[in-house]
């Protein structure tokens, strides 16, 4: 889990031409085994895209979420555009059995993505950080020990070094309370517990200004619509198919 998560070696470029973009998926046995998913001719796996995050700084736009079957998350996935939605690439390798829950960029070079491992009891939420515009992504643990349950609630940086993580320890029942607030003085290299409570903790930072970008799921079109605020209205800049295909025979598995 804690190995470096690089950008794909030769990321495919998707070009938006007023038709929904479709994220490519491969039916690799190792990916499905990591997520404890079984697929076969008799019980094929239908795959879907869920986008939960949009983050923008200038013309750089990140959308992120996960690829999943109707019952289980297969992998976290993200798409990045450097030209306001005209072209897209995957900036970071997909993370098996996980989802991307939040993201923040302070500049076109400096950014973070919150990673939520999935499972019956989600554990070990962590951060991927980049200082070079996404060429490399380094994992940063919130906790030094592994196996602690937790769900991301908020991730926020107010400078290149200083930030906060708000985590719901649901199911763990820690002595100090279910909700925990952490602070980092070194860009996420280490995190210190600052507050715990049995009730939800109000974020210690001011709310961000209303976004100029939004994601909206369109059930009729079976797409996620990426829209940009233009005056008092919203304009579509790209859209993404929610249905990605079906896996039956898995590549690289046991015969």
Foldseek 3Di string as FASTA:
>chain_A
DQDWWFFPPDWDKDFFDPDAAFDADAQAPVLCVLFVHDFAPVRWFWKFDDWAEWEDDPLKIKIWWFIAGPPFTRWTWMWIDNGNQRMITTLTDIGGQKIWHYKYDPDQFWIKTWIWHDDPFTWFIWMWIGRGNRRITGIAGADPDTDQGWDWDDWDDPDQFKIKTKIASPPPQDPQARIWMWMTRGNRNYIDTDHHDNDGDDDPDDDDDDDQWDWDQDPVVQKIFIWGDDPPDTDTSHIHHGTRGIDHDHPPDDD
